[in-house]
Amino acid sequence: MTHKTILTVALVMLFFKSNAQEVKNTNQKGITYFGDYTIENPDYGTKTVVTLDEENRVMVTNALPNHETGEFPRKGNPNTISAQKKTYKIPLKPVFTGHPKWAREPGIALNGVKFEPETAEMVICDSGENFKVEAVQDLINLGLDFNNAHVQPTGEYHYHGISEALVEAFDTGEDLVLLGFAKDGFPMYYSKSGAYKPSYSIIDDTYSATDCTYSNPKQNLDVLLEGDKFDGTFVSDWEFVKGSGDLDECNGIYVNDTYMYIVTDDYPYVGRCLMGEFTEERPQGPRPGGREGGREGRGQRQRPGGGNGRP
């Protein structure tokens, strides 16, 4: 560590009046992320400072990951990663309600990169059904890199599923790796052994939709669905089957009397809802998942926590 780096960290610590520690080595053991901490990684430009006040875990971040990413722009994703100005306030004392509520951005990784598992991509059919496209699928290339992540038009990098690089960055040698915190305050973990199984299955059914199209500003794609079996390409292909796995509807579980969310290798990857009290800012306009024309169809299946259909 150079004298210049030491001075920079000292100034950041003084500014936030915290005892935050700088994390240079992403493999460093014994770091606790339940208290104040700072991540500065000059290799990737990461700058994240977390401090605790009486009520909240306050994260100020440029939302750049502290690990390698794919090259952007790339096929399926024409956007370039850029630094953001983000501040998150996450409750220190989460309140469990037991009632699942859908969340667009259910949580934030320790490095300041958000989890946003669903997409805004739609396949729209003349027969009236609208199908919300999953990020992890083979029909449409959404430009995900090897971290199951890509970039929004704003330049914000975000995760749609598990990133091995993220796990490695915060691995302490235990099976459960703390990856971040959900918007309701409960921690988010990954089990390296896959100890916790999600409770979602693909519905045993076939599509009846006809004349379906996926379109974006750069392409139009005819999608033939009629008669094909559900295969997990769309959100509506999946259903929660209580008791079929270890995790609840939001991919959560109590471990040693502590409620936590588990990011999994299998669907839903990152839970699409939260079981605690939280507030989430949303853009102006209809709520994501709200109905906008068309008739009710198999592409309009209820999502966890309420809401369905086209955003």
C-alpha atoms as a PDB file:
ATOM      1  CA  MET A   1       0.000   0.000   0.000  1.00  0.00           C
ATOM      2  CA  THR A   2       1.456   3.369  -1.056  1.00  0.00           C
ATOM      3  CA  HIS A   3       1.545   6.531   1.072  1.00  0.00           C
ATOM      4  CA  LYS A   4      -0.883   8.107  -1.391  1.00  0.00           C
ATOM      5  CA  THR A   5      -3.394   5.237  -0.934  1.00  0.00           C
ATOM      6  CA  ILE A   6      -3.126   5.436   2.848  1.00  0.00           C
ATOM      7  CA  LEU A   7      -3.813   9.176   2.723  1.00  0.00           C
ATOM      8  CA  THR A   8      -6.849   8.691   0.465  1.00  0.00           C
ATOM      9  CA  VAL A   9      -8.372   6.076   2.755  1.00  0.00           C
ATOM     10  CA  ALA A  10      -7.723   8.222   5.810  1.00  0.00           C
ATOM     11  CA  LEU A  11      -9.538  11.163   4.235  1.00  0.00           C
ATOM     12  CA  VAL A  12     -12.534   8.995   3.289  1.00  0.00           C
ATOM     13  CA  MET A  13     -12.695   7.602   6.810  1.00  0.00           C
ATOM     14  CA  LEU A  14     -12.529  11.088   8.302  1.00  0.00           C
ATOM     15  CA  PHE A  15     -15.234  12.365   5.970  1.00  0.00           C
ATOM     16  CA  PHE A  16     -17.687   9.601   6.945  1.00  0.00           C
ATOM     17  CA  LYS A  17     -16.628   9.657  10.611  1.00  0.00           C
ATOM     18  CA  SER A  18     -16.395   5.889  10.606  1.00  0.00           C
ATOM     19  CA  ASN A  19     -13.912   3.161  11.368  1.00  0.00           C
ATOM     20  CA  ALA A  20     -14.313   1.744   7.854  1.00  0.00           C
ATOM     21  CA  GLN A  21     -11.534  -0.464   6.572  1.00  0.00           C
ATOM     22  CA  GLU A  22     -10.153  -0.495   3.066  1.00  0.00           C
ATOM     23  CA  VAL A  23     -10.410  -3.805   1.228  1.00  0.00           C
ATOM     24  CA  LYS A  24      -7.732  -4.084  -1.421  1.00  0.00           C
ATOM     25  CA  ASN A  25      -7.370  -7.838  -1.732  1.00  0.00           C
ATOM     26  CA  THR A  26     -10.693  -9.337  -2.821  1.00  0.00           C
ATOM     27  CA  ASN A  27      -9.618 -12.679  -1.318  1.00  0.00           C
ATOM     28  CA  GLN A  28      -8.816 -11.197   2.065  1.00  0.00           C
ATOM     29  CA  LYS A  29     -10.159 -13.325   4.936  1.00  0.00           C
ATOM     30  CA  GLY A  30     -11.739 -12.292   8.184  1.00  0.00           C
ATOM     31  CA  ILE A  31     -13.417  -9.097   6.969  1.00  0.00           C
ATOM     32  CA  THR A  32     -16.843  -8.417   8.404  1.00  0.00           C
ATOM     33  CA  TYR A  33     -19.323  -6.578   6.215  1.00  0.00           C
ATOM     34  CA  PHE A  34     -21.994  -6.207   8.882  1.00  0.00           C
ATOM     35  CA  GLY A  35     -20.264  -3.065  10.155  1.00  0.00           C
ATOM     36  CA  ASP A  36     -18.653  -0.053   8.506  1.00  0.00           C
ATOM     37  CA  TYR A  37     -16.392  -0.843   5.579  1.00  0.00           C
ATOM     38  CA  THR A  38     -14.803   0.655   2.498  1.00  0.00           C
ATOM     39  CA  ILE A  39     -13.989  -1.028  -0.800  1.00  0.00           C
ATOM     40  CA  GLU A  40     -11.609   0.767  -3.135  1.00  0.00           C
ATOM     41  CA  ASN A  41     -10.277  -1.269  -6.025  1.00  0.00           C
ATOM     42  CA  PRO A  42      -8.180   0.782  -8.481  1.00  0.00           C
ATOM     43  CA  ASP A  43      -8.080  -2.111 -10.964  1.00  0.00           C
ATOM     44  CA  TYR A  44     -11.817  -1.850 -11.570  1.00  0.00           C
ATOM     45  CA  GLY A  45     -12.571   1.645 -10.240  1.00  0.00           C
ATOM     46  CA  THR A  46     -14.724   0.403  -7.366  1.00  0.00           C
ATOM     47  CA  LYS A  47     -15.503   2.990  -4.682  1.00  0.00           C
ATOM     48  CA  THR A  48     -18.008   1.913  -2.041  1.00  0.00           C
ATOM     49  CA  VAL A  49     -18.299   3.252   1.497  1.00  0.00           C
ATOM     50  CA  VAL A  50     -20.741   1.809   4.014  1.00  0.00           C
ATOM     51  CA  THR A  51     -21.469   3.391   7.380  1.00  0.00           C
ATOM     52  CA  LEU A  52     -24.046   2.553  10.032  1.00  0.00           C
ATOM     53  CA  ASP A  53     -26.276   5.125  11.683  1.00  0.00           C
ATOM     54  CA  GLU A  54     -28.943   4.432  14.296  1.00  0.00           C
ATOM     55  CA  GLU A  55     -31.444   3.044  11.807  1.00  0.00           C
ATOM     56  CA  ASN A  56     -29.774   2.266   8.510  1.00  0.00           C
ATOM     57  CA  ARG A  57     -26.868   0.741   6.706  1.00  0.00           C
ATOM     58  CA  VAL A  58     -25.906   3.649   4.430  1.00  0.00           C
ATOM     59  CA  MET A  59     -24.054   2.755   1.250  1.00  0.00           C
ATOM     60  CA  VAL A  60     -22.509   5.419  -0.977  1.00  0.00           C
ATOM     61  CA  THR A  61     -21.178   3.826  -4.132  1.00  0.00           C
ATOM     62  CA  ASN A  62     -20.223   4.327  -7.763  1.00  0.00           C
ATOM     63  CA  ALA A  63     -21.721   0.859  -8.451  1.00  0.00           C
ATOM     64  CA  LEU A  64     -18.634  -0.455 -10.219  1.00  0.00           C
ATOM     65  CA  PRO A  65     -17.863  -4.108  -9.405  1.00  0.00           C
ATOM     66  CA  ASN A  66     -14.652  -5.129  -7.650  1.00  0.00           C
ATOM     67  CA  HIS A  67     -13.998  -7.960 -10.081  1.00  0.00           C
ATOM     68  CA  GLU A  68     -13.546  -8.671 -13.768  1.00  0.00           C
ATOM     69  CA  THR A  69     -16.479  -8.235 -16.154  1.00  0.00           C
ATOM     70  CA  GLY A  70     -17.129  -9.089 -19.770  1.00  0.00           C
ATOM     71  CA  GLU A  71     -16.381  -6.539 -22.461  1.00  0.00           C
ATOM     72  CA  PHE A  72     -19.146  -4.011 -23.090  1.00  0.00           C
ATOM     73  CA  PRO A  73     -20.639  -3.051 -25.488  1.00  0.00           C
ATOM     74  CA  ARG A  74     -21.206  -6.608 -26.682  1.00  0.00           C
ATOM     75  CA  LYS A  75     -23.653  -8.503 -28.871  1.00  0.00           C
ATOM     76  CA  GLY A  76     -27.075  -8.232 -27.283  1.00  0.00           C
ATOM     77  CA  ASN A  77     -26.050  -5.333 -25.037  1.00  0.00           C
ATOM     78  CA  PRO A  78     -24.857  -2.110 -26.709  1.00  0.00           C
ATOM     79  CA  ASN A  79     -24.207  -0.236 -23.453  1.00  0.00           C
ATOM     80  CA  THR A  80     -20.948   0.790 -21.785  1.00  0.00           C
ATOM     81  CA  ILE A  81     -20.265   0.387 -18.063  1.00  0.00           C
ATOM     82  CA  SER A  82     -19.935   3.736 -16.310  1.00  0.00           C
ATOM     83  CA  ALA A  83     -19.658   4.984 -12.743  1.00  0.00           C
ATOM     84  CA  GLN A  84     -22.900   5.902 -10.988  1.00  0.00           C
ATOM     85  CA  LYS A  85     -23.781   8.076  -8.005  1.00  0.00           C
ATOM     86  CA  LYS A  86     -25.848   5.855  -5.746  1.00  0.00           C
ATOM     87  CA  THR A  87     -26.865   6.053  -2.105  1.00  0.00           C
ATOM     88  CA  TYR A  88     -28.756   3.207  -0.485  1.00  0.00           C
ATOM     89  CA  LYS A  89     -30.304   3.142   2.984  1.00  0.00           C
ATOM     90  CA  ILE A  90     -30.959  -0.383   4.185  1.00  0.00           C
ATOM     91  CA  PRO A  91     -32.688  -1.020   7.539  1.00  0.00           C
ATOM     92  CA  LEU A  92     -30.421  -2.280  10.317  1.00  0.00           C
ATOM     93  CA  LYS A  93     -33.341  -3.924  12.104  1.00  0.00           C
ATOM     94  CA  PRO A  94     -35.369  -5.710   9.424  1.00  0.00           C
ATOM     95  CA  VAL A  95     -39.030  -6.421  10.127  1.00  0.00           C
ATOM     96  CA  PHE A  96     -40.210  -9.808   8.873  1.00  0.00           C
ATOM     97  CA  THR A  97     -43.832  -9.729   7.652  1.00  0.00           C
ATOM     98  CA  GLY A  98     -44.106 -13.166   6.084  1.00  0.00           C
ATOM     99  CA  HIS A  99     -46.006 -11.606   3.171  1.00  0.00           C
ATOM    100  CA  PRO A 100     -44.094 -11.696  -0.140  1.00  0.00           C
ATOM    101  CA  LYS A 101     -43.946  -8.383  -1.963  1.00  0.00           C
ATOM    102  CA  TRP A 102     -42.482  -8.139  -5.453  1.00  0.00           C
ATOM    103  CA  ALA A 103     -39.282  -6.091  -5.765  1.00  0.00           C
ATOM    104  CA  ARG A 104     -37.707  -4.812  -8.954  1.00  0.00           C
ATOM    105  CA  GLU A 105     -34.298  -4.483  -7.278  1.00  0.00           C
ATOM    106  CA  PRO A 106     -34.439  -6.864  -4.304  1.00  0.00           C
ATOM    107  CA  GLY A 107     -30.935  -6.167  -3.023  1.00  0.00           C
ATOM    108  CA  ILE A 108     -27.490  -4.650  -3.322  1.00  0.00           C
ATOM    109  CA  ALA A 109     -24.222  -6.579  -3.373  1.00  0.00           C
ATOM    110  CA  LEU A 110     -21.501  -5.644  -0.883  1.00  0.00           C
ATOM    111  CA  ASN A 111     -19.564  -3.971  -3.697  1.00  0.00           C
ATOM    112  CA  GLY A 112     -22.459  -1.615  -4.552  1.00  0.00           C
ATOM    113  CA  VAL A 113     -23.730  -3.433  -7.653  1.00  0.00           C
ATOM    114  CA  LYS A 114     -27.473  -4.072  -7.575  1.00  0.00           C
ATOM    115  CA  PHE A 115     -29.321  -7.345  -8.069  1.00  0.00           C
ATOM    116  CA  GLU A 116     -32.108  -6.947 -10.628  1.00  0.00           C
ATOM    117  CA  PRO A 117     -33.152 -10.453 -11.670  1.00  0.00           C
ATOM    118  CA  GLU A 118     -35.999  -9.675 -14.071  1.00  0.00           C
ATOM    119  CA  THR A 119     -35.864  -7.867 -17.411  1.00  0.00           C
ATOM    120  CA  ALA A 120     -38.028  -5.405 -19.307  1.00  0.00           C
ATOM    121  CA  GLU A 121     -37.965  -7.585 -22.448  1.00  0.00           C
ATOM    122  CA  MET A 122     -41.312  -8.830 -23.775  1.00  0.00           C
ATOM    123  CA  VAL A 123     -42.583 -11.231 -26.397  1.00  0.00           C
ATOM    124  CA  ILE A 124     -45.967  -9.909 -27.514  1.00  0.00           C
ATOM    125  CA  CYS A 125     -48.472 -12.065 -29.364  1.00  0.00           C
ATOM    126  CA  ASP A 126     -51.343 -11.059 -31.657  1.00  0.00           C
ATOM    127  CA  SER A 127     -53.428 -13.671 -29.877  1.00  0.00           C
ATOM    128  CA  GLY A 128     -53.264 -11.443 -26.789  1.00  0.00           C
ATOM    129  CA  GLU A 129     -50.608 -12.996 -24.556  1.00  0.00           C
ATOM    130  CA  ASN A 130     -47.580 -11.053 -23.337  1.00  0.00           C
ATOM    131  CA  PHE A 131     -44.564 -13.014 -22.123  1.00  0.00           C
ATOM    132  CA  LYS A 132     -41.910 -11.434 -19.915  1.00  0.00           C
ATOM    133  CA  VAL A 133     -38.493 -12.772 -20.957  1.00  0.00           C
ATOM    134  CA  GLU A 134     -36.134 -14.240 -18.388  1.00  0.00           C
ATOM    135  CA  ALA A 135     -32.561 -12.945 -18.434  1.00  0.00           C
ATOM    136  CA  VAL A 136     -31.054 -16.435 -18.317  1.00  0.00           C
ATOM    137  CA  GLN A 137     -32.474 -18.218 -21.377  1.00  0.00           C
ATOM    138  CA  ASP A 138     -31.493 -19.267 -24.899  1.00  0.00           C
ATOM    139  CA  LEU A 139     -34.116 -17.577 -27.067  1.00  0.00           C
ATOM    140  CA  ILE A 140     -32.917 -13.963 -27.026  1.00  0.00           C
ATOM    141  CA  ASN A 141     -29.351 -12.792 -26.509  1.00  0.00           C
ATOM    142  CA  LEU A 142     -29.442 -10.084 -23.845  1.00  0.00           C
ATOM    143  CA  GLY A 143     -25.662  -9.747 -23.709  1.00  0.00           C
ATOM    144  CA  LEU A 144     -25.071 -11.296 -20.276  1.00  0.00           C
ATOM    145  CA  ASP A 145     -21.406 -11.755 -19.428  1.00  0.00           C
ATOM    146  CA  PHE A 146     -19.829 -14.575 -17.385  1.00  0.00           C
ATOM    147  CA  ASN A 147     -21.151 -12.909 -14.209  1.00  0.00           C
ATOM    148  CA  ASN A 148     -24.777 -13.300 -15.336  1.00  0.00           C
ATOM    149  CA  ALA A 149     -24.762  -9.518 -15.571  1.00  0.00           C
ATOM    150  CA  HIS A 150     -25.007  -6.782 -18.162  1.00  0.00           C
ATOM    151  CA  VAL A 151     -25.405  -3.015 -18.489  1.00  0.00           C
ATOM    152  CA  GLN A 152     -28.457  -0.771 -18.605  1.00  0.00           C
ATOM    153  CA  PRO A 153     -28.624   2.233 -20.988  1.00  0.00           C
ATOM    154  CA  THR A 154     -27.643   4.424 -18.011  1.00  0.00           C
ATOM    155  CA  GLY A 155     -24.319   2.567 -17.839  1.00  0.00           C
ATOM    156  CA  GLU A 156     -25.263   0.754 -14.632  1.00  0.00           C
ATOM    157  CA  TYR A 157     -23.895  -2.771 -14.343  1.00  0.00           C
ATOM    158  CA  HIS A 158     -26.190  -5.209 -12.525  1.00  0.00           C
ATOM    159  CA  TYR A 159     -26.543  -8.899 -11.695  1.00  0.00           C
ATOM    160  CA  HIS A 160     -29.355 -11.143 -12.958  1.00  0.00           C
ATOM    161  CA  GLY A 161     -27.985 -14.249 -11.267  1.00  0.00           C
ATOM    162  CA  ILE A 162     -24.995 -15.597  -9.417  1.00  0.00           C
ATOM    163  CA  SER A 163     -21.517 -14.346 -10.254  1.00  0.00           C
ATOM    164  CA  GLU A 164     -18.617 -16.651  -9.438  1.00  0.00           C
ATOM    165  CA  ALA A 165     -16.333 -13.619  -9.368  1.00  0.00           C
ATOM    166  CA  LEU A 166     -18.563 -11.945  -6.778  1.00  0.00           C
ATOM    167  CA  VAL A 167     -18.536 -15.088  -4.646  1.00  0.00           C
ATOM    168  CA  GLU A 168     -14.750 -15.277  -4.883  1.00  0.00           C
ATOM    169  CA  ALA A 169     -14.407 -11.622  -3.941  1.00  0.00           C
ATOM    170  CA  PHE A 170     -16.179 -12.148  -0.609  1.00  0.00           C
ATOM    171  CA  ASP A 171     -15.406 -15.793   0.139  1.00  0.00           C
ATOM    172  CA  THR A 172     -14.251 -16.293   3.740  1.00  0.00           C
ATOM    173  CA  GLY A 173     -13.834 -20.051   3.486  1.00  0.00           C
ATOM    174  CA  GLU A 174     -17.277 -20.916   4.899  1.00  0.00           C
ATOM    175  CA  ASP A 175     -20.007 -22.566   2.845  1.00  0.00           C
ATOM    176  CA  LEU A 176     -22.305 -19.565   3.166  1.00  0.00           C
ATOM    177  CA  VAL A 177     -20.796 -16.483   1.525  1.00  0.00           C
ATOM    178  CA  LEU A 178     -22.326 -13.110   2.399  1.00  0.00           C
ATOM    179  CA  LEU A 179     -22.950 -11.338  -0.923  1.00  0.00           C
ATOM    180  CA  GLY A 180     -25.050  -8.337   0.072  1.00  0.00           C
ATOM    181  CA  PHE A 181     -28.185  -7.080   1.746  1.00  0.00           C
ATOM    182  CA  ALA A 182     -31.786  -7.053   0.571  1.00  0.00           C
ATOM    183  CA  LYS A 183     -33.775  -3.826   0.514  1.00  0.00           C
ATOM    184  CA  ASP A 184     -35.659  -4.980   3.624  1.00  0.00           C
ATOM    185  CA  GLY A 185     -32.401  -5.381   5.566  1.00  0.00           C
ATOM    186  CA  PHE A 186     -32.028  -9.153   5.604  1.00  0.00           C
ATOM    187  CA  PRO A 187     -28.667 -10.541   4.409  1.00  0.00           C
ATOM    188  CA  MET A 188     -28.161 -12.274   1.069  1.00  0.00           C
ATOM    189  CA  TYR A 189     -25.936 -15.348   0.925  1.00  0.00           C
ATOM    190  CA  TYR A 190     -24.692 -17.922  -1.566  1.00  0.00           C
ATOM    191  CA  SER A 191     -24.119 -21.557  -0.594  1.00  0.00           C
ATOM    192  CA  LYS A 192     -21.024 -22.931  -2.314  1.00  0.00           C
ATOM    193  CA  SER A 193     -22.250 -26.485  -1.755  1.00  0.00           C
ATOM    194  CA  GLY A 194     -25.745 -25.751  -3.071  1.00  0.00           C
ATOM    195  CA  ALA A 195     -27.188 -26.713   0.311  1.00  0.00           C
ATOM    196  CA  TYR A 196     -30.488 -24.894  -0.220  1.00  0.00           C
ATOM    197  CA  LYS A 197     -32.825 -25.838  -3.048  1.00  0.00           C
ATOM    198  CA  PRO A 198     -35.319 -23.339  -4.518  1.00  0.00           C
ATOM    199  CA  SER A 199     -39.005 -24.273  -4.617  1.00  0.00           C
ATOM    200  CA  TYR A 200     -39.787 -23.364  -8.233  1.00  0.00           C
ATOM    201  CA  SER A 201     -40.602 -25.685 -11.129  1.00  0.00           C
ATOM    202  CA  ILE A 202     -41.409 -25.261 -14.809  1.00  0.00           C
ATOM    203  CA  ILE A 203     -45.133 -25.649 -15.389  1.00  0.00           C
ATOM    204  CA  ASP A 204     -46.088 -28.767 -17.336  1.00  0.00           C
ATOM    205  CA  ASP A 205     -48.015 -27.070 -20.116  1.00  0.00           C
ATOM    206  CA  THR A 206     -47.766 -25.941 -23.736  1.00  0.00           C
ATOM    207  CA  TYR A 207     -48.087 -22.537 -25.372  1.00  0.00           C
ATOM    208  CA  SER A 208     -51.230 -21.712 -27.340  1.00  0.00           C
ATOM    209  CA  ALA A 209     -50.094 -18.185 -28.315  1.00  0.00           C
ATOM    210  CA  THR A 210     -49.802 -17.311 -32.017  1.00  0.00           C
ATOM    211  CA  ASP A 211     -48.116 -14.618 -34.119  1.00  0.00           C
ATOM    212  CA  CYS A 212     -45.621 -13.650 -31.426  1.00  0.00           C
ATOM    213  CA  THR A 213     -42.844 -11.076 -31.835  1.00  0.00           C
ATOM    214  CA  TYR A 214     -39.900  -9.803 -29.857  1.00  0.00           C
ATOM    215  CA  SER A 215     -38.680  -6.369 -30.847  1.00  0.00           C
ATOM    216  CA  ASN A 216     -36.221  -3.725 -29.737  1.00  0.00           C
ATOM    217  CA  PRO A 217     -34.774  -0.674 -31.527  1.00  0.00           C
ATOM    218  CA  LYS A 218     -32.281  -2.858 -33.400  1.00  0.00           C
ATOM    219  CA  GLN A 219     -34.153  -6.050 -34.231  1.00  0.00           C
ATOM    220  CA  ASN A 220     -37.472  -7.763 -34.765  1.00  0.00           C
ATOM    221  CA  LEU A 221     -37.730 -11.478 -34.106  1.00  0.00           C
ATOM    222  CA  ASP A 222     -40.664 -13.735 -34.893  1.00  0.00           C
ATOM    223  CA  VAL A 223     -41.146 -16.201 -32.044  1.00  0.00           C
ATOM    224  CA  LEU A 224     -42.924 -19.472 -32.739  1.00  0.00           C
ATOM    225  CA  LEU A 225     -44.546 -20.726 -29.538  1.00  0.00           C
ATOM    226  CA  GLU A 226     -47.773 -22.529 -30.428  1.00  0.00           C
ATOM    227  CA  GLY A 227     -47.623 -26.160 -29.335  1.00  0.00           C
ATOM    228  CA  ASP A 228     -44.193 -25.896 -27.662  1.00  0.00           C
ATOM    229  CA  LYS A 229     -43.805 -26.953 -24.048  1.00  0.00           C
ATOM    230  CA  PHE A 230     -42.938 -24.413 -21.375  1.00  0.00           C
ATOM    231  CA  ASP A 231     -39.155 -24.412 -21.017  1.00  0.00           C
ATOM    232  CA  GLY A 232     -38.291 -21.589 -18.590  1.00  0.00           C
ATOM    233  CA  THR A 233     -37.741 -18.865 -21.182  1.00  0.00           C
ATOM    234  CA  PHE A 234     -40.440 -16.678 -19.654  1.00  0.00           C
ATOM    235  CA  VAL A 235     -41.309 -15.657 -16.100  1.00  0.00           C
ATOM    236  CA  SER A 236     -44.755 -17.200 -16.579  1.00  0.00           C
ATOM    237  CA  ASP A 237     -43.209 -20.616 -17.322  1.00  0.00           C
ATOM    238  CA  TRP A 238     -42.372 -21.003 -13.638  1.00  0.00           C
ATOM    239  CA  GLU A 239     -44.458 -21.614 -10.558  1.00  0.00           C
ATOM    240  CA  PHE A 240     -43.724 -21.735  -6.858  1.00  0.00           C
ATOM    241  CA  VAL A 241     -44.414 -25.161  -5.371  1.00  0.00           C
ATOM    242  CA  LYS A 242     -44.417 -24.872  -1.606  1.00  0.00           C
ATOM    243  CA  GLY A 243     -42.407 -27.597   0.080  1.00  0.00           C
ATOM    244  CA  SER A 244     -40.735 -28.805  -3.108  1.00  0.00           C
ATOM    245  CA  GLY A 245     -37.463 -27.241  -2.005  1.00  0.00           C
ATOM    246  CA  ASP A 246     -35.863 -25.672   1.043  1.00  0.00           C
ATOM    247  CA  LEU A 247     -36.529 -22.022   0.228  1.00  0.00           C
ATOM    248  CA  ASP A 248     -39.686 -19.954   0.388  1.00  0.00           C
ATOM    249  CA  GLU A 249     -41.337 -17.924  -2.363  1.00  0.00           C
ATOM    250  CA  CYS A 250     -38.687 -15.187  -2.098  1.00  0.00           C
ATOM    251  CA  ASN A 251     -35.752 -17.643  -1.987  1.00  0.00           C
ATOM    252  CA  GLY A 252     -35.472 -17.097   1.765  1.00  0.00           C
ATOM    253  CA  ILE A 253     -34.946 -19.384   4.737  1.00  0.00           C
ATOM    254  CA  TYR A 254     -34.263 -19.317   8.467  1.00  0.00           C
ATOM    255  CA  VAL A 255     -30.763 -20.577   9.289  1.00  0.00           C
ATOM    256  CA  ASN A 256     -29.855 -20.735  12.997  1.00  0.00           C
ATOM    257  CA  ASP A 257     -32.855 -18.509  13.813  1.00  0.00           C
ATOM    258  CA  THR A 258     -31.684 -15.887  11.301  1.00  0.00           C
ATOM    259  CA  TYR A 259     -33.764 -15.142   8.209  1.00  0.00           C
ATOM    260  CA  MET A 260     -31.733 -14.719   5.020  1.00  0.00           C
ATOM    261  CA  TYR A 261     -32.103 -14.837   1.269  1.00  0.00           C
ATOM    262  CA  ILE A 262     -30.105 -17.346  -0.778  1.00  0.00           C
ATOM    263  CA  VAL A 263     -28.845 -16.538  -4.278  1.00  0.00           C
ATOM    264  CA  THR A 264     -28.984 -19.851  -6.121  1.00  0.00           C
ATOM    265  CA  ASP A 265     -27.577 -21.467  -9.260  1.00  0.00           C
ATOM    266  CA  ASP A 266     -31.124 -22.500 -10.233  1.00  0.00           C
ATOM    267  CA  TYR A 267     -34.250 -20.452 -10.868  1.00  0.00           C
ATOM    268  CA  PRO A 268     -35.185 -17.949  -9.529  1.00  0.00           C
ATOM    269  CA  TYR A 269     -31.426 -17.265  -9.028  1.00  0.00           C
ATOM    270  CA  VAL A 270     -32.199 -14.075  -7.074  1.00  0.00           C
ATOM    271  CA  GLY A 271     -35.557 -13.923  -5.303  1.00  0.00           C
ATOM    272  CA  ARG A 272     -38.125 -11.724  -7.017  1.00  0.00           C
ATOM    273  CA  CYS A 273     -39.854 -10.655  -3.802  1.00  0.00           C
ATOM    274  CA  LEU A 274     -39.048  -9.738  -0.202  1.00  0.00           C
ATOM    275  CA  MET A 275     -40.553 -10.948   3.063  1.00  0.00           C
ATOM    276  CA  GLY A 276     -39.695  -7.858   5.110  1.00  0.00           C
ATOM    277  CA  GLU A 277     -40.802  -4.250   5.171  1.00  0.00           C
ATOM    278  CA  PHE A 278     -39.108  -2.103   2.524  1.00  0.00           C
ATOM    279  CA  THR A 279     -39.564   0.846   0.232  1.00  0.00           C
ATOM    280  CA  GLU A 280     -38.416   0.902  -3.366  1.00  0.00           C
ATOM    281  CA  GLU A 281     -38.238   3.816  -5.762  1.00  0.00           C
ATOM    282  CA  ARG A 282     -39.862   3.125  -9.103  1.00  0.00           C
ATOM    283  CA  PRO A 283     -39.985   5.132 -12.354  1.00  0.00           C
ATOM    284  CA  GLN A 284     -43.102   7.121 -13.191  1.00  0.00           C
ATOM    285  CA  GLY A 285     -45.850   5.283 -15.028  1.00  0.00           C
ATOM    286  CA  PRO A 286     -47.694   2.000 -14.500  1.00  0.00           C
ATOM    287  CA  ARG A 287     -46.312  -0.381 -11.905  1.00  0.00           C
ATOM    288  CA  PRO A 288     -44.084  -3.025 -13.481  1.00  0.00           C
ATOM    289  CA  GLY A 289     -46.246  -6.066 -14.032  1.00  0.00           C
ATOM    290  CA  GLY A 290     -49.399  -3.972 -14.417  1.00  0.00           C
ATOM    291  CA  ARG A 291     -51.870  -4.814 -17.177  1.00  0.00           C
ATOM    292  CA  GLU A 292     -51.669  -2.776 -20.417  1.00  0.00           C
ATOM    293  CA  GLY A 293     -54.210  -4.116 -22.857  1.00  0.00           C
ATOM    294  CA  GLY A 294     -54.446  -7.559 -24.457  1.00  0.00           C
ATOM    295  CA  ARG A 295     -56.450 -10.436 -23.084  1.00  0.00           C
ATOM    296  CA  GLU A 296     -55.675 -12.683 -20.175  1.00  0.00           C
ATOM    297  CA  GLY A 297     -53.439 -15.592 -21.195  1.00  0.00           C
ATOM    298  CA  ARG A 298     -50.809 -18.022 -20.026  1.00  0.00           C
ATOM    299  CA  GLY A 299     -48.254 -15.237 -20.339  1.00  0.00           C
ATOM    300  CA  GLN A 300     -50.010 -13.358 -17.538  1.00  0.00           C
ATOM    301  CA  ARG A 301     -49.365 -15.718 -14.644  1.00  0.00           C
ATOM    302  CA  GLN A 302     -49.187 -14.149 -11.195  1.00  0.00           C
ATOM    303  CA  ARG A 303     -45.705 -13.178 -10.001  1.00  0.00           C
ATOM    304  CA  PRO A 304     -44.532 -13.588  -6.387  1.00  0.00           C
ATOM    305  CA  GLY A 305     -45.948 -10.797  -4.272  1.00  0.00           C
ATOM    306  CA  GLY A 306     -48.587  -9.659  -6.749  1.00  0.00           C
ATOM    307  CA  GLY A 307     -48.685  -8.133 -10.223  1.00  0.00           C
ATOM    308  CA  ASN A 308     -48.505  -9.870 -13.576  1.00  0.00           C
ATOM    309  CA  GLY A 309     -48.248  -9.285 -17.283  1.00  0.00           C
ATOM    310  CA  ARG A 310     -46.552  -6.661 -19.371  1.00  0.00           C
ATOM    311  CA  PRO A 311     -44.571  -3.816 -17.730  1.00  0.00           C
END
